[in-house]
Amino acid sequence: MAEAETGAAPYVFGAPLTLCIDIRNPLSWLALQPALALGAELGVAVECLPFMGPPRKPPKPARADDDRGARHRRQRAEYVARDIQRYAAVRGLEIRDIYRFPDATRFAAALLWLNQHAADRVEEFLLTAFRDYWRGALDIEAPATMPEMLGRLGQDTAGFERFVQHGSSAVLAELREGLVAAGVFDTPAFVVDDQVFLGRAHLPMVRWLLRGCEGQAPV
């Protein structure tokens, strides 16, 4: 079990629906708006938590001596990249360079800060940050970026900087350990009734559970 591996207690989920996201993962961007819309439709709170997952690796160029495993990994990576762009195009989303992988620590800290101090501004913050990041217009590593975004939302940027300098690393580490212990290992992850579902393909099941298992179960 993940709890035994990390030694941490599982994170205690307080909202009806929790969405674990990584701004660097295009699949998180594709899942964010549908998850928020589902919460609004059903009138349930959606808790959004940062979870920094593994990098997405580009497919290796084909070689004459590739074995079956190498060909399969390349074909799978190429398919996933095409699939991301297909869904992005239908939704009118711009997604550039799915393989870049900057440090997302300050973004994660800003999300936690808003969860604690202005939960009603989290949705606006996330939609703006994800949109601009994937358009190539947001440098999440630049020290000034998150304070500027929080300032536009009317937040105490000096307080956020104190949080970053004196406490955010430990809080993020503890959160990650708790999420891993609860069964989260990548994003986007949906959590309902302590059940973890990876990927937006599970939204029909998530909807059914949030509705109290009313109606025909997803198949």
Protein backbone atom coordinates (compact mmCIF):
# COMPACT_ATOMS: atom_id res chain seq x y z
CA MET A 1 0.00 0.00 0.00
CA ALA A 2 1.12 3.56 -0.68
CA GLU A 3 0.73 4.49 3.00
CA ALA A 4 3.23 1.83 4.03
CA GLU A 5 5.69 2.97 1.38
CA THR A 6 5.63 6.65 2.37
CA GLY A 7 4.91 6.31 6.08
CA ALA A 8 2.31 9.07 5.69
CA ALA A 9 -1.35 9.01 6.59
CA PRO A 10 -3.72 9.34 3.63
CA TYR A 11 -4.95 12.84 2.86
CA VAL A 12 -8.38 13.49 4.32
CA PHE A 13 -10.63 14.66 1.50
CA GLY A 14 -13.19 17.17 2.68
CA ALA A 15 -15.05 18.10 -0.50
CA PRO A 16 -17.55 15.93 -2.40
CA LEU A 17 -15.21 16.06 -5.40
CA THR A 18 -11.45 16.57 -5.34
CA LEU A 19 -9.43 17.19 -8.50
CA CYS A 20 -5.66 16.75 -8.34
CA ILE A 21 -3.96 18.66 -11.13
CA ASP A 22 -0.54 19.51 -12.53
CA ILE A 23 -0.39 22.63 -14.67
CA ARG A 24 2.37 20.99 -16.75
CA ASN A 25 0.16 18.06 -17.71
CA PRO A 26 -2.07 18.84 -20.72
CA LEU A 27 -4.49 16.16 -19.57
CA SER A 28 -5.06 18.22 -16.42
CA TRP A 29 -5.97 21.20 -18.60
CA LEU A 30 -8.42 19.09 -20.58
CA ALA A 31 -10.01 17.85 -17.35
CA LEU A 32 -10.18 21.12 -15.43
CA GLN A 33 -13.14 22.83 -17.09
CA PRO A 34 -15.35 19.70 -17.26
CA ALA A 35 -14.68 19.01 -13.57
CA LEU A 36 -15.58 22.56 -12.54
CA ALA A 37 -18.65 22.49 -14.77
CA LEU A 38 -19.77 19.20 -13.22
CA GLY A 39 -19.45 20.66 -9.74
CA ALA A 40 -21.51 23.70 -10.76
CA GLU A 41 -24.14 21.54 -12.45
CA LEU A 42 -24.62 19.30 -9.41
CA GLY A 43 -24.13 22.04 -6.84
CA VAL A 44 -21.18 20.34 -5.15
CA ALA A 45 -17.89 21.82 -4.03
CA VAL A 46 -14.78 20.93 -6.02
CA GLU A 47 -11.48 21.00 -4.16
CA CYS A 48 -8.52 21.49 -6.51
CA LEU A 49 -5.15 20.34 -5.21
CA PRO A 50 -1.69 20.51 -6.79
CA PHE A 51 0.07 17.23 -7.48
CA MET A 52 3.33 17.41 -9.39
CA GLY A 53 3.56 14.28 -11.48
CA PRO A 54 6.22 12.79 -13.74
CA PRO A 55 7.34 14.47 -16.98
CA ARG A 56 5.86 13.48 -20.31
CA LYS A 57 8.60 12.07 -22.51
CA PRO A 58 8.62 12.68 -26.28
CA PRO A 59 8.74 9.60 -28.52
CA LYS A 60 12.19 8.54 -29.59
CA PRO A 61 12.98 8.66 -33.32
CA ALA A 62 12.47 5.38 -35.13
CA ARG A 63 15.56 3.22 -35.62
CA ALA A 64 16.09 0.25 -37.87
CA ASP A 65 16.99 -1.95 -34.91
CA ASP A 66 13.96 -1.01 -32.78
CA ASP A 67 12.43 -4.00 -31.04
CA ARG A 68 8.69 -4.49 -30.58
CA GLY A 69 8.71 -2.74 -27.20
CA ALA A 70 10.41 0.37 -28.58
CA ARG A 71 7.96 0.56 -31.49
CA HIS A 72 5.01 0.17 -29.14
CA ARG A 73 6.23 2.94 -26.80
CA ARG A 74 6.77 5.29 -29.73
CA GLN A 75 3.38 4.55 -31.26
CA ARG A 76 1.67 5.02 -27.90
CA ALA A 77 3.41 8.37 -27.27
CA GLU A 78 2.54 9.59 -30.75
CA TYR A 79 -1.08 8.52 -30.31
CA VAL A 80 -1.41 10.29 -26.93
CA ALA A 81 0.03 13.50 -28.43
CA ARG A 82 -2.49 13.37 -31.31
CA ASP A 83 -5.33 12.61 -28.91
CA ILE A 84 -4.50 15.63 -26.76
CA GLN A 85 -4.55 17.92 -29.77
CA ARG A 86 -7.81 16.42 -31.07
CA TYR A 87 -9.62 17.11 -27.83
CA ALA A 88 -8.02 20.53 -27.45
CA ALA A 89 -9.17 21.51 -30.95
CA VAL A 90 -12.76 20.47 -30.27
CA ARG A 91 -12.76 22.50 -27.05
CA GLY A 92 -11.08 25.52 -28.66
CA LEU A 93 -8.03 25.22 -26.38
CA GLU A 94 -4.51 26.09 -27.42
CA ILE A 95 -1.92 23.57 -26.26
CA ARG A 96 1.72 24.11 -27.14
CA ASP A 97 4.69 21.85 -26.45
CA ILE A 98 3.30 19.09 -24.28
CA TYR A 99 6.82 17.98 -23.33
CA ARG A 100 8.13 21.09 -21.58
CA PHE A 101 8.49 20.56 -17.87
CA PRO A 102 9.33 23.66 -15.80
CA ASP A 103 9.39 23.82 -12.01
CA ALA A 104 5.77 24.17 -10.88
CA THR A 105 6.48 24.68 -7.18
CA ARG A 106 5.44 28.34 -7.05
CA PHE A 107 2.22 27.61 -8.94
CA ALA A 108 1.41 24.80 -6.52
CA ALA A 109 2.10 27.10 -3.57
CA ALA A 110 -0.17 29.78 -5.05
CA LEU A 111 -3.00 27.28 -5.44
CA LEU A 112 -2.63 26.20 -1.81
CA TRP A 113 -2.53 29.84 -0.73
CA LEU A 114 -5.79 30.58 -2.51
CA ASN A 115 -7.43 27.44 -1.13
CA GLN A 116 -6.66 28.72 2.35
CA HIS A 117 -7.32 32.44 1.91
CA ALA A 118 -9.70 32.98 -1.01
CA ALA A 119 -11.31 29.73 -2.12
CA ASP A 120 -13.87 31.67 -4.15
CA ARG A 121 -11.08 32.90 -6.47
CA VAL A 122 -9.52 29.48 -7.15
CA GLU A 123 -11.53 28.76 -10.29
CA GLU A 124 -10.63 32.10 -11.88
CA PHE A 125 -6.99 31.63 -10.96
CA LEU A 126 -6.78 28.12 -12.38
CA LEU A 127 -8.58 28.85 -15.64
CA THR A 128 -6.39 31.88 -16.28
CA ALA A 129 -3.14 30.15 -15.30
CA PHE A 130 -3.78 27.01 -17.35
CA ARG A 131 -4.96 28.96 -20.39
CA ASP A 132 -1.97 31.28 -20.41
CA TYR A 133 0.56 28.56 -19.60
CA TRP A 134 -0.57 26.37 -22.47
CA ARG A 135 -0.63 29.34 -24.85
CA GLY A 136 3.01 29.91 -23.93
CA ALA A 137 2.21 33.23 -22.27
CA LEU A 138 2.86 32.39 -18.60
CA ASP A 139 6.27 31.72 -17.06
CA ILE A 140 5.41 29.78 -13.91
CA GLU A 141 9.05 29.72 -12.78
CA ALA A 142 9.52 33.50 -12.78
CA PRO A 143 9.47 34.80 -9.17
CA ALA A 144 7.10 37.65 -10.05
CA THR A 145 4.47 35.62 -11.91
CA MET A 146 2.43 34.18 -9.05
CA PRO A 147 2.46 37.37 -6.93
CA GLU A 148 1.24 39.31 -9.96
CA MET A 149 -1.58 36.85 -10.56
CA LEU A 150 -2.58 36.82 -6.90
CA GLY A 151 -2.41 40.60 -6.76
CA ARG A 152 -4.87 40.86 -9.65
CA LEU A 153 -7.19 38.68 -7.57
CA GLY A 154 -6.91 41.09 -4.64
CA GLN A 155 -4.66 38.87 -2.54
CA ASP A 156 -1.93 39.74 -0.04
CA THR A 157 1.19 39.12 -2.14
CA ALA A 158 3.51 39.84 0.80
CA GLY A 159 1.77 37.11 2.77
CA PHE A 160 2.13 34.72 -0.13
CA GLU A 161 5.86 35.44 -0.39
CA ARG A 162 6.26 34.73 3.33
CA PHE A 163 4.44 31.45 2.80
CA VAL A 164 6.81 30.56 -0.06
CA GLN A 165 9.93 31.49 1.91
CA HIS A 166 9.03 29.92 5.21
CA GLY A 167 6.51 27.15 4.86
CA SER A 168 5.27 26.16 1.43
CA SER A 169 7.89 23.47 0.71
CA ALA A 170 7.02 21.51 3.82
CA VAL A 171 3.28 21.92 3.24
CA LEU A 172 3.57 20.76 -0.38
CA ALA A 173 5.70 17.77 0.62
CA GLU A 174 3.22 16.75 3.31
CA LEU A 175 0.32 17.15 0.91
CA ARG A 176 2.00 15.03 -1.74
CA GLU A 177 2.78 12.27 0.74
CA GLY A 178 -0.80 12.27 1.91
CA LEU A 179 -2.17 12.14 -1.63
CA VAL A 180 0.17 9.31 -2.58
CA ALA A 181 -0.90 7.43 0.53
CA ALA A 182 -4.52 7.95 -0.55
CA GLY A 183 -3.80 6.41 -3.97
CA VAL A 184 -3.02 9.41 -6.19
CA PHE A 185 -0.02 8.86 -8.45
CA ASP A 186 -0.60 11.09 -11.49
CA THR A 187 -2.98 13.71 -12.83
CA PRO A 188 -5.72 14.48 -13.48
CA ALA A 189 -7.06 12.44 -10.57
CA PHE A 190 -10.66 12.66 -9.38
CA VAL A 191 -11.49 11.60 -5.84
CA VAL A 192 -15.05 10.80 -4.75
CA ASP A 193 -15.82 9.02 -1.47
CA ASP A 194 -12.08 8.28 -1.12
CA GLN A 195 -12.11 6.48 -4.47
CA VAL A 196 -9.41 7.65 -6.90
CA PHE A 197 -10.08 7.80 -10.64
CA LEU A 198 -7.27 8.73 -13.03
CA GLY A 199 -8.25 10.63 -16.17
CA ARG A 200 -11.29 12.50 -17.43
CA ALA A 201 -12.60 9.30 -19.03
CA HIS A 202 -14.00 8.52 -15.58
CA LEU A 203 -16.21 11.61 -15.43
CA PRO A 204 -19.39 9.57 -16.12
CA MET A 205 -18.59 7.39 -13.08
CA VAL A 206 -17.74 10.49 -11.03
CA ARG A 207 -21.07 12.07 -12.02
CA TRP A 208 -22.98 8.89 -11.09
CA LEU A 209 -21.32 8.68 -7.67
CA LEU A 210 -21.93 12.36 -6.94
CA ARG A 211 -25.61 11.88 -7.77
CA GLY A 212 -25.86 9.17 -5.13
CA CYS A 213 -25.64 6.33 -7.65
CA GLU A 214 -28.99 7.38 -9.13
CA GLY A 215 -29.86 6.28 -12.64
CA GLN A 216 -28.13 3.73 -14.81
CA ALA A 217 -24.56 3.04 -13.77
CA PRO A 218 -21.80 3.81 -16.28
CA VAL A 219 -20.58 0.80 -18.21
